[in-house]
Amino acid sequence: MAVSLAEKLTASLNLETDLIKGSNGVFDVELSGKLIYSKSDTGEFPNEDSLIQKIRSDHSMG
């Protein structure tokens, strides 16, 4: 999941990604130090395409 999302973020938004190993099911996505998505808040992994669209619209990328 993380690798796939990192690849999509790079391809779709030309973002540099860093994967940081966590524990206890942590899965967070940050952009410029701001938390964009947290699995601990939702209880599930993000839909990759929806997350990319959210980043595009919230941060005027695209």
Protein backbone atom coordinates (compact mmCIF):
# COMPACT_ATOMS: atom_id res chain seq x y z
CA MET A 1 0.00 0.00 0.00
CA ALA A 2 2.61 2.56 1.03
CA VAL A 3 4.88 1.85 -1.93
CA SER A 4 1.98 2.03 -4.37
CA LEU A 5 0.78 5.34 -2.95
CA ALA A 6 4.30 6.78 -2.96
CA GLU A 7 4.65 5.86 -6.63
CA LYS A 8 1.29 7.43 -7.48
CA LEU A 9 2.14 10.64 -5.61
CA THR A 10 5.40 10.91 -7.50
CA ALA A 11 3.79 10.19 -10.88
CA SER A 12 0.60 12.23 -10.42
CA LEU A 13 1.83 15.24 -8.47
CA ASN A 14 5.59 15.17 -9.04
CA LEU A 15 6.14 14.96 -5.27
CA GLU A 16 9.22 13.55 -3.62
CA THR A 17 8.19 10.88 -1.13
CA ASP A 18 9.86 9.35 1.89
CA LEU A 19 8.64 6.10 3.39
CA ILE A 20 9.30 5.84 7.09
CA LYS A 21 8.73 2.52 8.79
CA GLY A 22 6.28 2.77 11.66
CA SER A 23 4.71 0.37 14.09
CA ASN A 24 1.26 -0.59 15.36
CA GLY A 25 -0.37 0.02 11.98
CA VAL A 26 0.61 3.67 11.71
CA PHE A 27 -0.03 5.08 8.25
CA ASP A 28 0.21 8.86 7.98
CA VAL A 29 0.60 11.09 4.94
CA GLU A 30 2.19 14.51 5.47
CA LEU A 31 2.83 17.32 3.03
CA SER A 32 5.19 20.13 4.00
CA GLY A 33 4.97 19.06 7.63
CA LYS A 34 1.16 19.11 7.66
CA LEU A 35 -0.78 15.91 8.36
CA ILE A 36 -2.96 15.17 5.32
CA TYR A 37 -4.21 11.71 6.25
CA SER A 38 -3.94 9.44 9.28
CA LYS A 39 -5.11 5.85 9.36
CA SER A 40 -5.36 6.10 13.14
CA ASP A 41 -8.08 8.76 12.65
CA THR A 42 -10.10 6.82 10.08
CA GLY A 43 -9.31 3.20 10.93
CA GLU A 44 -8.56 2.38 7.31
CA PHE A 45 -6.05 2.94 4.55
CA PRO A 46 -6.85 5.83 2.20
CA ASN A 47 -8.31 5.41 -1.23
CA GLU A 48 -5.25 6.39 -3.27
CA ASP A 49 -7.10 8.27 -6.03
CA SER A 50 -9.27 10.17 -3.52
CA LEU A 51 -6.22 11.14 -1.49
CA ILE A 52 -4.41 12.42 -4.58
CA GLN A 53 -7.49 14.47 -5.53
CA LYS A 54 -7.69 15.88 -1.99
CA ILE A 55 -4.03 16.93 -2.13
CA ARG A 56 -4.58 18.51 -5.56
CA SER A 57 -7.58 20.53 -4.43
CA ASP A 58 -6.30 21.47 -0.96
CA HIS A 59 -2.88 22.50 -2.19
CA SER A 60 -3.65 23.81 -5.68
CA MET A 61 -1.60 21.13 -7.43
CA GLY A 62 -2.31 19.52 -10.66
